[in-house]
Amino acid sequence: MQKPLTFLAPLAFVAAMALPAAAQETVTADPSVVVATVGDTEITVGHMIVAWASLPQQYQDLPDDVLFQGILDQLVQQTALQQQFTGDLPKRVELQIENERRSLTAGEAINGIMEQPLSEEDVQAAYEEEYSNVDQEKEYNASHILVETEEAALAVVEELAGGAEFAAVAREKSTGPSGPNGGQLGWFGTGAMVPEFEAAVIALEPGAVSAPVKTQFGWHVITLNETRIQEAPALEEVREEIEMQIRQVRAQAKIEEVTSMADVDRSGAEGVDTSVIKQVTVLE
């Protein structure tokens, strides 16, 4: 990721932000077009595009004419300052330029790997490896009526045995948040509910009603509506995730390959006090 561009002349940019926004037709950019010169140095549309792409999001969303003027002002000012600078750059700046070039070049190398086409066979194989051996989990759809005492729960069981509709009783008597929805809890798997509640649900057949079940929340009367087996997602549902995973694995493998093949000597790091990385003042 590129480092966010720092505005060297905030007052000039704030002034540019006051300009009225004007509607513009979308055009195809030519990055070689020169928009300004400072002495013999050309500033192109390409330079401006790169500067825009490096901005924090809050700046990128500004109107186009505001951004254009603000970025152009900044690049002109930076170029003028660069041209009048005399002497040698501080060591910290030279090292930062080296690191920035190293980082951007490495990023382009990674992008080249990530953008290589994937075969359908590779995608299918990765999908099967990810999902073919996944245990198919049983899921439950249940409703409950929560009351404060065992006596109240027994009364609910008796009322249901007499033919009362579960959802209607839940709306009338349940003290839980699902009461207004007829006690419906929706689909859930193992581990989603407290152990006593889960055990009671698992023991039920669809359509059956439990005896009162005590948990930390109170007394429950539960009915199991239905069960299902959670199937693995279809390939098209997870294709983007699978493809990204393949690309990341390839990129990591390439990083390890080129690093292992490089002539690397880390002996200079041996015995160096690790705290030196924080001593920025030595670069002044």
C-alpha atoms as a PDB file:
ATOM      1  CA  MET A   1       0.000   0.000   0.000  1.00  0.00           C
ATOM      2  CA  GLN A   2       1.334   3.380  -0.913  1.00  0.00           C
ATOM      3  CA  LYS A   3       2.087   5.888   1.778  1.00  0.00           C
ATOM      4  CA  PRO A   4      -0.622   8.586   2.057  1.00  0.00           C
ATOM      5  CA  LEU A   5       0.472  11.819   0.429  1.00  0.00           C
ATOM      6  CA  THR A   6       1.309  14.604   2.863  1.00  0.00           C
ATOM      7  CA  PHE A   7      -0.013  18.049   1.971  1.00  0.00           C
ATOM      8  CA  LEU A   8       2.900  20.470   2.271  1.00  0.00           C
ATOM      9  CA  ALA A   9       0.742  23.555   1.815  1.00  0.00           C
ATOM     10  CA  PRO A  10      -2.489  23.004   3.746  1.00  0.00           C
ATOM     11  CA  LEU A  11      -3.587  26.637   3.425  1.00  0.00           C
ATOM     12  CA  ALA A  12      -3.455  26.459  -0.342  1.00  0.00           C
ATOM     13  CA  PHE A  13      -5.452  23.254  -0.326  1.00  0.00           C
ATOM     14  CA  VAL A  14      -8.069  24.627   2.039  1.00  0.00           C
ATOM     15  CA  ALA A  15      -8.483  27.590  -0.299  1.00  0.00           C
ATOM     16  CA  ALA A  16      -8.935  25.234  -3.220  1.00  0.00           C
ATOM     17  CA  MET A  17     -11.663  23.416  -1.319  1.00  0.00           C
ATOM     18  CA  ALA A  18     -13.719  26.608  -1.375  1.00  0.00           C
ATOM     19  CA  LEU A  19     -13.964  26.552  -5.167  1.00  0.00           C
ATOM     20  CA  PRO A  20     -17.415  25.676  -6.551  1.00  0.00           C
ATOM     21  CA  ALA A  21     -17.848  22.149  -7.867  1.00  0.00           C
ATOM     22  CA  ALA A  22     -18.708  21.886 -11.541  1.00  0.00           C
ATOM     23  CA  ALA A  23     -20.210  18.924 -13.362  1.00  0.00           C
ATOM     24  CA  GLN A  24     -17.755  17.274 -15.730  1.00  0.00           C
ATOM     25  CA  GLU A  25     -18.095  14.529 -18.307  1.00  0.00           C
ATOM     26  CA  THR A  26     -16.059  11.417 -17.703  1.00  0.00           C
ATOM     27  CA  VAL A  27     -13.054  11.294 -20.013  1.00  0.00           C
ATOM     28  CA  THR A  28     -10.348   8.727 -20.641  1.00  0.00           C
ATOM     29  CA  ALA A  29      -7.137   9.904 -19.022  1.00  0.00           C
ATOM     30  CA  ASP A  30      -3.863  10.147 -20.933  1.00  0.00           C
ATOM     31  CA  PRO A  31      -1.175   9.923 -18.232  1.00  0.00           C
ATOM     32  CA  SER A  32       1.432  11.516 -20.498  1.00  0.00           C
ATOM     33  CA  VAL A  33      -0.424  14.827 -20.808  1.00  0.00           C
ATOM     34  CA  VAL A  34       1.633  17.623 -19.231  1.00  0.00           C
ATOM     35  CA  VAL A  35      -0.523  19.776 -16.964  1.00  0.00           C
ATOM     36  CA  ALA A  36       2.217  22.060 -15.642  1.00  0.00           C
ATOM     37  CA  THR A  37       5.935  22.684 -15.789  1.00  0.00           C
ATOM     38  CA  VAL A  38       8.175  24.039 -13.078  1.00  0.00           C
ATOM     39  CA  GLY A  39      11.370  25.093 -14.814  1.00  0.00           C
ATOM     40  CA  ASP A  40      12.311  22.079 -16.908  1.00  0.00           C
ATOM     41  CA  THR A  41      10.337  19.628 -14.765  1.00  0.00           C
ATOM     42  CA  GLU A  42       7.059  18.367 -16.199  1.00  0.00           C
ATOM     43  CA  ILE A  43       4.038  17.455 -14.086  1.00  0.00           C
ATOM     44  CA  THR A  44       1.740  15.051 -15.911  1.00  0.00           C
ATOM     45  CA  VAL A  45      -1.736  13.643 -15.514  1.00  0.00           C
ATOM     46  CA  GLY A  46      -0.003  10.428 -14.471  1.00  0.00           C
ATOM     47  CA  HIS A  47       1.695  12.179 -11.577  1.00  0.00           C
ATOM     48  CA  MET A  48      -1.675  13.546 -10.469  1.00  0.00           C
ATOM     49  CA  ILE A  49      -3.378  10.151 -10.689  1.00  0.00           C
ATOM     50  CA  VAL A  50      -0.694   8.567  -8.509  1.00  0.00           C
ATOM     51  CA  ALA A  51      -0.985  11.425  -6.021  1.00  0.00           C
ATOM     52  CA  TRP A  52      -4.784  11.013  -5.879  1.00  0.00           C
ATOM     53  CA  ALA A  53      -4.522   7.248  -5.370  1.00  0.00           C
ATOM     54  CA  SER A  54      -2.202   7.874  -2.414  1.00  0.00           C
ATOM     55  CA  LEU A  55      -4.595  10.199  -0.608  1.00  0.00           C
ATOM     56  CA  PRO A  56      -6.546   9.193   2.510  1.00  0.00           C
ATOM     57  CA  GLN A  57     -10.160   8.290   1.732  1.00  0.00           C
ATOM     58  CA  GLN A  58     -11.565  11.515   3.171  1.00  0.00           C
ATOM     59  CA  TYR A  59      -9.679  13.473   0.509  1.00  0.00           C
ATOM     60  CA  GLN A  60     -10.415  11.078  -2.367  1.00  0.00           C
ATOM     61  CA  ASP A  61     -14.150  11.673  -2.015  1.00  0.00           C
ATOM     62  CA  LEU A  62     -13.886  15.424  -2.590  1.00  0.00           C
ATOM     63  CA  PRO A  63     -15.289  16.874  -5.862  1.00  0.00           C
ATOM     64  CA  ASP A  64     -13.073  16.334  -8.902  1.00  0.00           C
ATOM     65  CA  ASP A  65     -12.354  20.007  -9.535  1.00  0.00           C
ATOM     66  CA  VAL A  66     -11.365  20.536  -5.901  1.00  0.00           C
ATOM     67  CA  LEU A  67      -9.052  17.536  -5.954  1.00  0.00           C
ATOM     68  CA  PHE A  68      -7.536  18.493  -9.324  1.00  0.00           C
ATOM     69  CA  GLN A  69      -6.636  21.991  -8.191  1.00  0.00           C
ATOM     70  CA  GLY A  70      -5.442  20.893  -4.766  1.00  0.00           C
ATOM     71  CA  ILE A  71      -3.222  18.091  -6.104  1.00  0.00           C
ATOM     72  CA  LEU A  72      -1.826  20.283  -8.881  1.00  0.00           C
ATOM     73  CA  ASP A  73      -0.978  23.032  -6.384  1.00  0.00           C
ATOM     74  CA  GLN A  74       0.711  20.513  -4.154  1.00  0.00           C
ATOM     75  CA  LEU A  75       2.820  18.995  -6.934  1.00  0.00           C
ATOM     76  CA  VAL A  76       3.864  22.415  -8.193  1.00  0.00           C
ATOM     77  CA  GLN A  77       4.843  23.499  -4.680  1.00  0.00           C
ATOM     78  CA  GLN A  78       6.731  20.269  -4.012  1.00  0.00           C
ATOM     79  CA  THR A  79       8.602  20.598  -7.306  1.00  0.00           C
ATOM     80  CA  ALA A  80       9.548  24.214  -6.598  1.00  0.00           C
ATOM     81  CA  LEU A  81      10.789  23.271  -3.141  1.00  0.00           C
ATOM     82  CA  GLN A  82      12.721  20.336  -4.568  1.00  0.00           C
ATOM     83  CA  GLN A  83      14.426  22.549  -7.134  1.00  0.00           C
ATOM     84  CA  GLN A  84      15.545  25.156  -4.605  1.00  0.00           C
ATOM     85  CA  PHE A  85      16.868  22.573  -2.163  1.00  0.00           C
ATOM     86  CA  THR A  86      20.644  22.603  -1.932  1.00  0.00           C
ATOM     87  CA  GLY A  87      23.083  20.302  -0.252  1.00  0.00           C
ATOM     88  CA  ASP A  88      22.750  16.616   0.460  1.00  0.00           C
ATOM     89  CA  LEU A  89      19.538  14.930   1.508  1.00  0.00           C
ATOM     90  CA  PRO A  90      19.524  13.750   5.129  1.00  0.00           C
ATOM     91  CA  LYS A  91      20.423  10.115   5.523  1.00  0.00           C
ATOM     92  CA  ARG A  92      16.930   9.308   6.803  1.00  0.00           C
ATOM     93  CA  VAL A  93      15.412  10.646   3.552  1.00  0.00           C
ATOM     94  CA  GLU A  94      17.827   8.680   1.353  1.00  0.00           C
ATOM     95  CA  LEU A  95      17.057   5.513   3.300  1.00  0.00           C
ATOM     96  CA  GLN A  96      13.334   6.173   3.143  1.00  0.00           C
ATOM     97  CA  ILE A  97      13.557   6.563  -0.647  1.00  0.00           C
ATOM     98  CA  GLU A  98      15.436   3.262  -0.852  1.00  0.00           C
ATOM     99  CA  ASN A  99      12.852   1.517   1.311  1.00  0.00           C
ATOM    100  CA  GLU A 100       9.969   3.036  -0.662  1.00  0.00           C
ATOM    101  CA  ARG A 101      11.451   1.873  -3.949  1.00  0.00           C
ATOM    102  CA  ARG A 102      12.125  -1.566  -2.488  1.00  0.00           C
ATOM    103  CA  SER A 103       8.555  -1.817  -1.185  1.00  0.00           C
ATOM    104  CA  LEU A 104       6.873  -0.638  -4.375  1.00  0.00           C
ATOM    105  CA  THR A 105       9.001  -2.876  -6.584  1.00  0.00           C
ATOM    106  CA  ALA A 106       8.298  -5.892  -4.385  1.00  0.00           C
ATOM    107  CA  GLY A 107       4.611  -5.011  -4.494  1.00  0.00           C
ATOM    108  CA  GLU A 108       4.661  -5.040  -8.282  1.00  0.00           C
ATOM    109  CA  ALA A 109       6.340  -8.444  -8.219  1.00  0.00           C
ATOM    110  CA  ILE A 110       3.595  -9.768  -5.932  1.00  0.00           C
ATOM    111  CA  ASN A 111       0.890  -8.206  -8.114  1.00  0.00           C
ATOM    112  CA  GLY A 112       2.327 -10.009 -11.106  1.00  0.00           C
ATOM    113  CA  ILE A 113       1.985 -13.329  -9.292  1.00  0.00           C
ATOM    114  CA  MET A 114      -1.484 -12.576  -7.938  1.00  0.00           C
ATOM    115  CA  GLU A 115      -2.778 -11.595 -11.388  1.00  0.00           C
ATOM    116  CA  GLN A 116      -1.698 -14.806 -13.119  1.00  0.00           C
ATOM    117  CA  PRO A 117      -4.727 -16.679 -14.524  1.00  0.00           C
ATOM    118  CA  LEU A 118      -6.123 -19.609 -12.581  1.00  0.00           C
ATOM    119  CA  SER A 119      -7.235 -22.825 -14.202  1.00  0.00           C
ATOM    120  CA  GLU A 120     -10.670 -24.193 -13.387  1.00  0.00           C
ATOM    121  CA  GLU A 121      -8.947 -27.418 -12.326  1.00  0.00           C
ATOM    122  CA  ASP A 122      -6.939 -25.553  -9.692  1.00  0.00           C
ATOM    123  CA  VAL A 123     -10.043 -23.792  -8.396  1.00  0.00           C
ATOM    124  CA  GLN A 124     -12.020 -27.046  -8.240  1.00  0.00           C
ATOM    125  CA  ALA A 125      -9.179 -28.845  -6.457  1.00  0.00           C
ATOM    126  CA  ALA A 126      -8.826 -26.068  -3.877  1.00  0.00           C
ATOM    127  CA  TYR A 127     -12.593 -26.053  -3.313  1.00  0.00           C
ATOM    128  CA  GLU A 128     -12.677 -29.807  -2.740  1.00  0.00           C
ATOM    129  CA  GLU A 129      -9.712 -29.652  -0.395  1.00  0.00           C
ATOM    130  CA  GLU A 130     -11.409 -26.918   1.610  1.00  0.00           C
ATOM    131  CA  TYR A 131     -14.901 -28.376   1.806  1.00  0.00           C
ATOM    132  CA  SER A 132     -15.041 -32.055   0.842  1.00  0.00           C
ATOM    133  CA  ASN A 133     -13.938 -33.303   4.255  1.00  0.00           C
ATOM    134  CA  VAL A 134     -15.876 -30.795   6.325  1.00  0.00           C
ATOM    135  CA  ASP A 135     -18.157 -32.512   8.819  1.00  0.00           C
ATOM    136  CA  GLN A 136     -21.757 -31.824   7.941  1.00  0.00           C
ATOM    137  CA  GLU A 137     -23.245 -30.308  11.060  1.00  0.00           C
ATOM    138  CA  LYS A 138     -26.823 -30.863  12.110  1.00  0.00           C
ATOM    139  CA  GLU A 139     -28.736 -27.647  12.699  1.00  0.00           C
ATOM    140  CA  TYR A 140     -31.904 -27.124  14.686  1.00  0.00           C
ATOM    141  CA  ASN A 141     -34.862 -24.791  14.345  1.00  0.00           C
ATOM    142  CA  ALA A 142     -36.621 -24.444  17.686  1.00  0.00           C
ATOM    143  CA  SER A 143     -39.019 -22.236  19.599  1.00  0.00           C
ATOM    144  CA  HIS A 144     -39.327 -21.789  23.346  1.00  0.00           C
ATOM    145  CA  ILE A 145     -41.460 -20.247  26.028  1.00  0.00           C
ATOM    146  CA  LEU A 146     -39.485 -18.764  28.936  1.00  0.00           C
ATOM    147  CA  VAL A 147     -41.131 -18.345  32.345  1.00  0.00           C
ATOM    148  CA  GLU A 148     -39.827 -17.678  35.843  1.00  0.00           C
ATOM    149  CA  THR A 149     -40.911 -20.789  37.776  1.00  0.00           C
ATOM    150  CA  GLU A 150     -41.258 -24.525  37.261  1.00  0.00           C
ATOM    151  CA  GLU A 151     -44.933 -24.283  38.196  1.00  0.00           C
ATOM    152  CA  ALA A 152     -45.514 -21.758  35.397  1.00  0.00           C
ATOM    153  CA  ALA A 153     -43.633 -23.998  32.971  1.00  0.00           C
ATOM    154  CA  LEU A 154     -45.738 -27.037  33.940  1.00  0.00           C
ATOM    155  CA  ALA A 155     -48.863 -24.961  33.374  1.00  0.00           C
ATOM    156  CA  VAL A 156     -47.582 -24.074  29.880  1.00  0.00           C
ATOM    157  CA  VAL A 157     -46.922 -27.754  29.104  1.00  0.00           C
ATOM    158  CA  GLU A 158     -50.466 -28.629  30.212  1.00  0.00           C
ATOM    159  CA  GLU A 159     -51.939 -25.838  28.104  1.00  0.00           C
ATOM    160  CA  LEU A 160     -50.038 -27.002  25.030  1.00  0.00           C
ATOM    161  CA  ALA A 161     -51.117 -30.605  25.649  1.00  0.00           C
ATOM    162  CA  GLY A 162     -54.672 -29.340  25.643  1.00  0.00           C
ATOM    163  CA  GLY A 163     -54.268 -28.090  22.071  1.00  0.00           C
ATOM    164  CA  ALA A 164     -53.101 -24.514  22.508  1.00  0.00           C
ATOM    165  CA  GLU A 165     -50.913 -23.127  19.708  1.00  0.00           C
ATOM    166  CA  PHE A 166     -47.270 -22.860  20.768  1.00  0.00           C
ATOM    167  CA  ALA A 167     -46.649 -19.471  19.106  1.00  0.00           C
ATOM    168  CA  ALA A 168     -49.779 -17.973  20.646  1.00  0.00           C
ATOM    169  CA  VAL A 169     -48.831 -19.135  24.149  1.00  0.00           C
ATOM    170  CA  ALA A 170     -45.290 -17.813  23.638  1.00  0.00           C
ATOM    171  CA  ARG A 171     -46.570 -14.390  22.642  1.00  0.00           C
ATOM    172  CA  GLU A 172     -48.834 -14.332  25.685  1.00  0.00           C
ATOM    173  CA  LYS A 173     -46.629 -15.787  28.409  1.00  0.00           C
ATOM    174  CA  SER A 174     -42.959 -15.924  27.415  1.00  0.00           C
ATOM    175  CA  THR A 175     -40.708 -13.430  29.192  1.00  0.00           C
ATOM    176  CA  GLY A 176     -37.861 -13.922  26.715  1.00  0.00           C
ATOM    177  CA  PRO A 177     -37.034 -11.544  23.829  1.00  0.00           C
ATOM    178  CA  SER A 178     -38.330 -14.114  21.323  1.00  0.00           C
ATOM    179  CA  GLY A 179     -41.798 -14.076  22.904  1.00  0.00           C
ATOM    180  CA  PRO A 180     -43.338 -11.462  20.567  1.00  0.00           C
ATOM    181  CA  ASN A 181     -42.090 -13.585  17.651  1.00  0.00           C
ATOM    182  CA  GLY A 182     -43.896 -16.678  18.916  1.00  0.00           C
ATOM    183  CA  GLY A 183     -40.789 -17.966  20.682  1.00  0.00           C
ATOM    184  CA  GLN A 184     -38.996 -18.582  17.386  1.00  0.00           C
ATOM    185  CA  LEU A 185     -35.213 -18.911  17.774  1.00  0.00           C
ATOM    186  CA  GLY A 186     -34.358 -19.653  14.152  1.00  0.00           C
ATOM    187  CA  TRP A 187     -31.603 -21.999  13.018  1.00  0.00           C
ATOM    188  CA  PHE A 188     -28.637 -22.781  15.261  1.00  0.00           C
ATOM    189  CA  GLY A 189     -25.950 -25.418  15.591  1.00  0.00           C
ATOM    190  CA  THR A 190     -24.348 -27.146  18.539  1.00  0.00           C
ATOM    191  CA  GLY A 191     -22.585 -24.809  20.935  1.00  0.00           C
ATOM    192  CA  ALA A 192     -24.899 -21.885  20.239  1.00  0.00           C
ATOM    193  CA  MET A 193     -27.145 -22.464  23.255  1.00  0.00           C
ATOM    194  CA  VAL A 194     -26.441 -23.138  26.924  1.00  0.00           C
ATOM    195  CA  PRO A 195     -25.810 -26.876  27.546  1.00  0.00           C
ATOM    196  CA  GLU A 196     -29.112 -27.680  29.289  1.00  0.00           C
ATOM    197  CA  PHE A 197     -31.136 -26.053  26.535  1.00  0.00           C
ATOM    198  CA  GLU A 198     -29.076 -27.678  23.776  1.00  0.00           C
ATOM    199  CA  ALA A 199     -29.403 -31.145  25.319  1.00  0.00           C
ATOM    200  CA  ALA A 200     -33.180 -30.776  25.508  1.00  0.00           C
ATOM    201  CA  VAL A 201     -33.388 -29.682  21.861  1.00  0.00           C
ATOM    202  CA  ILE A 202     -31.218 -32.563  20.660  1.00  0.00           C
ATOM    203  CA  ALA A 203     -33.392 -35.063  22.545  1.00  0.00           C
ATOM    204  CA  LEU A 204     -36.604 -33.878  20.844  1.00  0.00           C
ATOM    205  CA  GLU A 205     -38.213 -35.168  17.684  1.00  0.00           C
ATOM    206  CA  PRO A 206     -39.564 -32.517  15.281  1.00  0.00           C
ATOM    207  CA  GLY A 207     -42.946 -31.339  16.480  1.00  0.00           C
ATOM    208  CA  ALA A 208     -42.467 -32.590  20.038  1.00  0.00           C
ATOM    209  CA  VAL A 209     -42.628 -30.395  23.143  1.00  0.00           C
ATOM    210  CA  SER A 210     -40.159 -30.751  26.013  1.00  0.00           C
ATOM    211  CA  ALA A 211     -40.772 -31.035  29.715  1.00  0.00           C
ATOM    212  CA  PRO A 212     -39.732 -27.894  31.626  1.00  0.00           C
ATOM    213  CA  VAL A 213     -35.994 -27.225  31.271  1.00  0.00           C
ATOM    214  CA  LYS A 214     -34.140 -25.108  33.832  1.00  0.00           C
ATOM    215  CA  THR A 215     -31.255 -22.858  32.775  1.00  0.00           C
ATOM    216  CA  GLN A 216     -29.637 -19.755  34.191  1.00  0.00           C
ATOM    217  CA  PHE A 217     -32.298 -17.696  32.417  1.00  0.00           C
ATOM    218  CA  GLY A 218     -35.321 -19.414  33.944  1.00  0.00           C
ATOM    219  CA  TRP A 219     -37.626 -22.261  32.939  1.00  0.00           C
ATOM    220  CA  HIS A 220     -38.115 -23.166  29.286  1.00  0.00           C
ATOM    221  CA  VAL A 221     -40.691 -25.153  27.397  1.00  0.00           C
ATOM    222  CA  ILE A 222     -39.208 -26.030  24.015  1.00  0.00           C
ATOM    223  CA  THR A 223     -40.534 -27.327  20.730  1.00  0.00           C
ATOM    224  CA  LEU A 224     -38.307 -28.542  17.913  1.00  0.00           C
ATOM    225  CA  ASN A 225     -39.688 -27.264  14.621  1.00  0.00           C
ATOM    226  CA  GLU A 226     -37.316 -29.019  12.213  1.00  0.00           C
ATOM    227  CA  THR A 227     -33.713 -30.056  11.635  1.00  0.00           C
ATOM    228  CA  ARG A 228     -31.372 -29.929   8.676  1.00  0.00           C
ATOM    229  CA  ILE A 229     -27.842 -30.836   7.702  1.00  0.00           C
ATOM    230  CA  GLN A 230     -25.666 -27.853   6.955  1.00  0.00           C
ATOM    231  CA  GLU A 231     -24.334 -28.495   3.470  1.00  0.00           C
ATOM    232  CA  ALA A 232     -21.028 -27.261   2.119  1.00  0.00           C
ATOM    233  CA  PRO A 233     -21.500 -24.070   0.072  1.00  0.00           C
ATOM    234  CA  ALA A 234     -21.613 -24.366  -3.701  1.00  0.00           C
ATOM    235  CA  LEU A 235     -18.402 -23.486  -5.521  1.00  0.00           C
ATOM    236  CA  GLU A 236     -19.893 -20.335  -7.045  1.00  0.00           C
ATOM    237  CA  GLU A 237     -20.819 -19.050  -3.584  1.00  0.00           C
ATOM    238  CA  VAL A 238     -17.190 -19.185  -2.435  1.00  0.00           C
ATOM    239  CA  ARG A 239     -15.345 -18.867  -5.750  1.00  0.00           C
ATOM    240  CA  GLU A 240     -13.936 -15.421  -4.973  1.00  0.00           C
ATOM    241  CA  GLU A 241     -12.667 -16.597  -1.589  1.00  0.00           C
ATOM    242  CA  ILE A 242     -11.150 -19.766  -3.085  1.00  0.00           C
ATOM    243  CA  GLU A 243      -9.429 -17.886  -5.901  1.00  0.00           C
ATOM    244  CA  MET A 244      -7.967 -15.339  -3.481  1.00  0.00           C
ATOM    245  CA  GLN A 245      -6.718 -18.166  -1.287  1.00  0.00           C
ATOM    246  CA  ILE A 246      -4.958 -19.808  -4.254  1.00  0.00           C
ATOM    247  CA  ARG A 247      -3.354 -16.525  -5.274  1.00  0.00           C
ATOM    248  CA  GLN A 248      -2.143 -15.840  -1.748  1.00  0.00           C
ATOM    249  CA  VAL A 249      -0.667 -19.325  -1.449  1.00  0.00           C
ATOM    250  CA  ARG A 250       1.109 -18.892  -4.779  1.00  0.00           C
ATOM    251  CA  ALA A 251       2.447 -15.496  -3.772  1.00  0.00           C
ATOM    252  CA  GLN A 252       3.736 -16.810  -0.448  1.00  0.00           C
ATOM    253  CA  ALA A 253       5.359 -19.771  -2.175  1.00  0.00           C
ATOM    254  CA  LYS A 254       7.073 -17.421  -4.633  1.00  0.00           C
ATOM    255  CA  ILE A 255       8.294 -15.187  -1.815  1.00  0.00           C
ATOM    256  CA  GLU A 256       9.819 -18.187  -0.070  1.00  0.00           C
ATOM    257  CA  GLU A 257      11.299 -19.492  -3.329  1.00  0.00           C
ATOM    258  CA  VAL A 258      13.042 -16.285  -4.373  1.00  0.00           C
ATOM    259  CA  THR A 259      14.219 -15.623  -0.830  1.00  0.00           C
ATOM    260  CA  SER A 260      15.734 -19.102  -0.541  1.00  0.00           C
ATOM    261  CA  MET A 261      17.478 -18.672  -3.905  1.00  0.00           C
ATOM    262  CA  ALA A 262      18.881 -15.225  -3.062  1.00  0.00           C
ATOM    263  CA  ASP A 263      22.401 -14.859  -1.704  1.00  0.00           C
ATOM    264  CA  VAL A 264      21.385 -13.712   1.789  1.00  0.00           C
ATOM    265  CA  ASP A 265      23.887 -13.112   4.573  1.00  0.00           C
ATOM    266  CA  ARG A 266      22.362 -12.065   7.899  1.00  0.00           C
ATOM    267  CA  SER A 267      25.551 -12.353   9.915  1.00  0.00           C
ATOM    268  CA  GLY A 268      25.749  -8.580  10.273  1.00  0.00           C
ATOM    269  CA  ALA A 269      22.654  -8.651  12.480  1.00  0.00           C
ATOM    270  CA  GLU A 270      24.247 -10.977  15.013  1.00  0.00           C
ATOM    271  CA  GLY A 271      25.087  -9.256  18.251  1.00  0.00           C
ATOM    272  CA  VAL A 272      23.343  -6.000  17.304  1.00  0.00           C
ATOM    273  CA  ASP A 273      21.250  -4.519  20.095  1.00  0.00           C
ATOM    274  CA  THR A 274      17.676  -4.783  18.811  1.00  0.00           C
ATOM    275  CA  SER A 275      16.769  -1.436  20.379  1.00  0.00           C
ATOM    276  CA  VAL A 276      18.777   0.376  17.699  1.00  0.00           C
ATOM    277  CA  ILE A 277      15.760   0.374  15.342  1.00  0.00           C
ATOM    278  CA  LYS A 278      14.165   3.090  17.520  1.00  0.00           C
ATOM    279  CA  GLN A 279      17.180   5.448  17.513  1.00  0.00           C
ATOM    280  CA  VAL A 280      15.907   7.775  14.793  1.00  0.00           C
ATOM    281  CA  THR A 281      18.119  10.653  15.902  1.00  0.00           C
ATOM    282  CA  VAL A 282      21.269   8.948  14.566  1.00  0.00           C
ATOM    283  CA  LEU A 283      19.966   9.588  11.045  1.00  0.00           C
ATOM    284  CA  GLU A 284      19.833  13.358  11.484  1.00  0.00           C
END
